[in-house]
Amino acid sequence: MKVIDLLNKIANGEEVPKIIEFHEQYYTLTNKNGILDYKNNDGIDELFNGDWDMTTCLNDEIEIIEDNKKIERILSGKLTPAQSKNPKI
């Protein structure tokens, strides 16, 4: 999905992914007073209301992170023996 597609989903009130990867950082969906945004893992950098100049990134790709095993691996930073053999799980 591209950044512009994600922005369109937000603008149209459609369901959006809870966790995404953008430029090698992971962002989690936040809702502050009805305003949706994504914060990175340290909770400081906001994707749309932060330091990113989205006008230069509209066609950049965003990866949607859905699989629970991937999320656990991202949060812990460790791979299980099975994940080491097959990083897709």
N, C-alpha and C. Protein backbone atom coordinates (compact mmCIF):
# COMPACT_ATOMS: atom_id res chain seq x y z
N MET A 1 0.85 -1.16 0.00
CA MET A 1 0.00 0.00 0.00
C MET A 1 0.91 1.23 0.00
N LYS A 2 0.48 2.27 -0.68
CA LYS A 2 1.24 3.51 -0.71
C LYS A 2 0.72 4.46 0.37
N VAL A 3 1.55 5.44 0.73
CA VAL A 3 1.18 6.43 1.74
C VAL A 3 -0.12 7.12 1.34
N ILE A 4 -0.24 7.51 0.07
CA ILE A 4 -1.45 8.21 -0.39
C ILE A 4 -2.69 7.35 -0.21
N ASP A 5 -2.57 6.04 -0.41
CA ASP A 5 -3.71 5.13 -0.22
C ASP A 5 -4.12 5.07 1.25
N LEU A 6 -3.12 5.05 2.13
CA LEU A 6 -3.41 5.04 3.57
C LEU A 6 -4.09 6.34 3.98
N LEU A 7 -3.61 7.47 3.48
CA LEU A 7 -4.23 8.76 3.80
C LEU A 7 -5.67 8.82 3.30
N ASN A 8 -5.92 8.27 2.12
CA ASN A 8 -7.29 8.22 1.59
C ASN A 8 -8.20 7.39 2.47
N LYS A 9 -7.70 6.26 2.96
CA LYS A 9 -8.50 5.41 3.85
C LYS A 9 -8.85 6.17 5.14
N ILE A 10 -7.87 6.88 5.69
CA ILE A 10 -8.12 7.65 6.91
C ILE A 10 -9.15 8.74 6.62
N ALA A 11 -8.99 9.46 5.52
CA ALA A 11 -9.91 10.55 5.17
C ALA A 11 -11.33 10.05 4.95
N ASN A 12 -11.47 8.84 4.41
CA ASN A 12 -12.78 8.28 4.11
C ASN A 12 -13.38 7.51 5.29
N GLY A 13 -12.68 7.47 6.41
CA GLY A 13 -13.18 6.77 7.59
C GLY A 13 -13.17 5.26 7.46
N GLU A 14 -12.34 4.74 6.56
CA GLU A 14 -12.24 3.29 6.36
C GLU A 14 -11.32 2.68 7.41
N GLU A 15 -11.41 1.36 7.53
CA GLU A 15 -10.54 0.64 8.45
C GLU A 15 -9.10 0.72 7.95
N VAL A 16 -8.17 0.98 8.87
CA VAL A 16 -6.76 1.08 8.52
C VAL A 16 -5.97 0.10 9.36
N PRO A 17 -4.79 -0.31 8.89
CA PRO A 17 -3.99 -1.26 9.66
C PRO A 17 -3.53 -0.68 10.98
N LYS A 18 -3.39 -1.55 11.97
CA LYS A 18 -2.97 -1.10 13.31
C LYS A 18 -1.47 -0.90 13.39
N ILE A 19 -0.71 -1.72 12.67
CA ILE A 19 0.75 -1.60 12.68
C ILE A 19 1.25 -1.62 11.25
N ILE A 20 2.16 -0.68 10.93
CA ILE A 20 2.74 -0.60 9.61
C ILE A 20 4.25 -0.45 9.72
N GLU A 21 4.94 -0.75 8.62
CA GLU A 21 6.36 -0.49 8.51
C GLU A 21 6.55 0.56 7.42
N PHE A 22 7.30 1.60 7.73
CA PHE A 22 7.56 2.68 6.78
C PHE A 22 9.01 3.12 6.96
N HIS A 23 9.78 3.03 5.90
CA HIS A 23 11.20 3.41 5.92
C HIS A 23 11.94 2.74 7.07
N GLU A 24 11.74 1.43 7.18
CA GLU A 24 12.43 0.57 8.15
C GLU A 24 12.12 0.89 9.61
N GLN A 25 10.99 1.54 9.86
CA GLN A 25 10.53 1.77 11.22
C GLN A 25 9.10 1.26 11.33
N TYR A 26 8.76 0.79 12.53
CA TYR A 26 7.42 0.28 12.77
C TYR A 26 6.59 1.35 13.48
N TYR A 27 5.36 1.51 13.03
CA TYR A 27 4.45 2.52 13.57
C TYR A 27 3.15 1.85 13.99
N THR A 28 2.61 2.30 15.13
CA THR A 28 1.36 1.79 15.66
C THR A 28 0.30 2.87 15.59
N LEU A 29 -0.90 2.49 15.17
CA LEU A 29 -2.02 3.41 15.03
C LEU A 29 -2.38 4.03 16.38
N THR A 30 -2.58 5.35 16.38
CA THR A 30 -3.03 6.06 17.57
C THR A 30 -4.26 6.88 17.21
N ASN A 31 -5.04 7.19 18.23
CA ASN A 31 -6.23 8.02 18.04
C ASN A 31 -6.24 9.05 19.16
N LYS A 32 -5.86 10.28 18.82
CA LYS A 32 -5.80 11.34 19.81
C LYS A 32 -6.91 12.34 19.52
N ASN A 33 -7.95 12.33 20.35
CA ASN A 33 -9.10 13.22 20.18
C ASN A 33 -9.73 13.08 18.79
N GLY A 34 -9.83 11.85 18.31
CA GLY A 34 -10.45 11.59 17.02
C GLY A 34 -9.54 11.78 15.82
N ILE A 35 -8.27 12.12 16.05
CA ILE A 35 -7.31 12.30 14.96
C ILE A 35 -6.42 11.06 14.90
N LEU A 36 -6.49 10.35 13.78
CA LEU A 36 -5.68 9.14 13.62
C LEU A 36 -4.29 9.51 13.16
N ASP A 37 -3.31 8.82 13.70
CA ASP A 37 -1.92 8.98 13.29
C ASP A 37 -1.20 7.69 13.65
N TYR A 38 0.05 7.59 13.29
CA TYR A 38 0.88 6.45 13.63
C TYR A 38 2.10 6.95 14.39
N LYS A 39 2.41 6.29 15.53
CA LYS A 39 3.61 6.63 16.29
C LYS A 39 4.59 5.48 16.18
N ASN A 40 5.89 5.82 16.14
CA ASN A 40 6.89 4.76 16.07
C ASN A 40 7.04 4.10 17.44
N ASN A 41 7.92 3.10 17.51
CA ASN A 41 8.02 2.29 18.73
C ASN A 41 8.38 3.07 19.97
N ASP A 42 9.14 4.16 19.83
CA ASP A 42 9.49 4.93 21.03
C ASP A 42 8.37 5.90 21.42
N GLY A 43 7.31 5.98 20.59
CA GLY A 43 6.15 6.79 20.91
C GLY A 43 6.33 8.27 20.69
N ILE A 44 7.44 8.65 20.08
CA ILE A 44 7.73 10.07 19.91
C ILE A 44 7.41 10.54 18.49
N ASP A 45 7.91 9.85 17.50
CA ASP A 45 7.78 10.30 16.11
C ASP A 45 6.41 9.94 15.56
N GLU A 46 5.65 10.94 15.17
CA GLU A 46 4.36 10.72 14.54
C GLU A 46 4.55 10.76 13.03
N LEU A 47 3.88 9.85 12.34
CA LEU A 47 4.08 9.73 10.91
C LEU A 47 3.49 10.92 10.15
N PHE A 48 2.26 11.30 10.43
CA PHE A 48 1.61 12.35 9.64
C PHE A 48 1.67 13.72 10.30
N ASN A 49 1.79 13.78 11.60
CA ASN A 49 1.84 15.07 12.30
C ASN A 49 3.21 15.33 12.91
N GLY A 50 4.22 14.64 12.40
CA GLY A 50 5.56 14.76 12.97
C GLY A 50 6.55 15.34 12.00
N ASP A 51 7.72 14.73 11.98
CA ASP A 51 8.84 15.27 11.21
C ASP A 51 8.83 14.90 9.73
N TRP A 52 8.02 13.91 9.34
CA TRP A 52 8.01 13.50 7.93
C TRP A 52 7.34 14.55 7.06
N ASP A 53 7.94 14.86 5.93
CA ASP A 53 7.30 15.71 4.92
C ASP A 53 6.58 14.76 3.97
N MET A 54 5.31 14.53 4.23
CA MET A 54 4.55 13.54 3.48
C MET A 54 4.40 13.91 2.00
N THR A 55 4.56 15.17 1.64
CA THR A 55 4.43 15.54 0.22
C THR A 55 5.52 14.90 -0.62
N THR A 56 6.63 14.54 -0.01
CA THR A 56 7.70 13.89 -0.76
C THR A 56 7.62 12.37 -0.69
N CYS A 57 6.67 11.84 0.09
CA CYS A 57 6.59 10.40 0.34
C CYS A 57 5.26 9.78 -0.11
N LEU A 58 4.42 10.51 -0.79
CA LEU A 58 3.07 10.03 -1.10
C LEU A 58 3.06 8.72 -1.87
N ASN A 59 4.05 8.49 -2.71
CA ASN A 59 4.09 7.26 -3.50
C ASN A 59 4.98 6.19 -2.89
N ASP A 60 5.53 6.44 -1.70
CA ASP A 60 6.35 5.44 -1.02
C ASP A 60 5.45 4.33 -0.50
N GLU A 61 6.02 3.14 -0.43
CA GLU A 61 5.27 1.97 0.02
C GLU A 61 5.27 1.85 1.54
N ILE A 62 4.14 1.39 2.06
CA ILE A 62 3.98 1.06 3.48
C ILE A 62 3.68 -0.43 3.54
N GLU A 63 4.36 -1.13 4.41
CA GLU A 63 4.07 -2.55 4.59
C GLU A 63 3.12 -2.70 5.77
N ILE A 64 2.06 -3.45 5.58
CA ILE A 64 1.09 -3.70 6.64
C ILE A 64 1.57 -4.90 7.44
N ILE A 65 1.67 -4.74 8.74
CA ILE A 65 2.10 -5.82 9.63
C ILE A 65 0.84 -6.37 10.29
N GLU A 66 0.52 -7.62 9.98
CA GLU A 66 -0.71 -8.23 10.50
C GLU A 66 -0.45 -9.47 11.33
N ASP A 67 0.51 -10.25 10.93
CA ASP A 67 0.72 -11.55 11.54
C ASP A 67 1.25 -11.39 12.96
N ASN A 68 0.60 -12.04 13.95
CA ASN A 68 1.00 -11.93 15.35
C ASN A 68 2.44 -12.34 15.59
N LYS A 69 2.91 -13.36 14.89
CA LYS A 69 4.28 -13.80 15.09
C LYS A 69 5.26 -12.73 14.66
N LYS A 70 4.98 -12.03 13.56
CA LYS A 70 5.85 -10.94 13.14
C LYS A 70 5.85 -9.83 14.18
N ILE A 71 4.68 -9.52 14.73
CA ILE A 71 4.58 -8.46 15.72
C ILE A 71 5.39 -8.84 16.96
N GLU A 72 5.28 -10.09 17.42
CA GLU A 72 6.04 -10.52 18.58
C GLU A 72 7.53 -10.42 18.31
N ARG A 73 7.95 -10.80 17.11
CA ARG A 73 9.37 -10.74 16.76
C ARG A 73 9.84 -9.28 16.74
N ILE A 74 9.04 -8.39 16.22
CA ILE A 74 9.40 -6.98 16.17
C ILE A 74 9.56 -6.42 17.58
N LEU A 75 8.62 -6.73 18.45
CA LEU A 75 8.64 -6.18 19.80
C LEU A 75 9.76 -6.76 20.64
N SER A 76 10.03 -8.04 20.49
CA SER A 76 11.06 -8.67 21.33
C SER A 76 12.44 -8.54 20.72
N GLY A 77 12.50 -8.42 19.40
CA GLY A 77 13.79 -8.35 18.72
C GLY A 77 14.50 -9.69 18.66
N LYS A 78 13.84 -10.77 19.10
CA LYS A 78 14.45 -12.09 19.12
C LYS A 78 13.68 -13.02 18.21
N LEU A 79 14.40 -13.95 17.63
CA LEU A 79 13.78 -14.98 16.80
C LEU A 79 13.74 -16.29 17.57
N THR A 80 12.64 -17.01 17.43
CA THR A 80 12.59 -18.35 17.98
C THR A 80 13.40 -19.25 17.06
N PRO A 81 13.78 -20.46 17.49
CA PRO A 81 14.52 -21.37 16.60
C PRO A 81 13.77 -21.61 15.29
N ALA A 82 12.44 -21.76 15.34
CA ALA A 82 11.67 -21.98 14.11
C ALA A 82 11.73 -20.76 13.20
N GLN A 83 11.68 -19.57 13.77
CA GLN A 83 11.75 -18.35 12.97
C GLN A 83 13.12 -18.17 12.35
N SER A 84 14.16 -18.62 13.05
CA SER A 84 15.52 -18.52 12.51
C SER A 84 15.66 -19.33 11.25
N LYS A 85 14.99 -20.50 11.21
CA LYS A 85 15.05 -21.36 10.03
C LYS A 85 14.15 -20.85 8.94
N ASN A 86 13.02 -20.25 9.30
CA ASN A 86 12.06 -19.74 8.32
C ASN A 86 11.59 -18.36 8.78
N PRO A 87 12.26 -17.27 8.36
CA PRO A 87 11.94 -15.92 8.86
C PRO A 87 10.54 -15.44 8.49
N LYS A 88 9.83 -16.16 7.64
CA LYS A 88 8.48 -15.73 7.27
C LYS A 88 7.44 -16.10 8.30
N ILE A 89 7.82 -16.92 9.30
CA ILE A 89 6.84 -17.29 10.34
C ILE A 89 7.05 -16.47 11.58
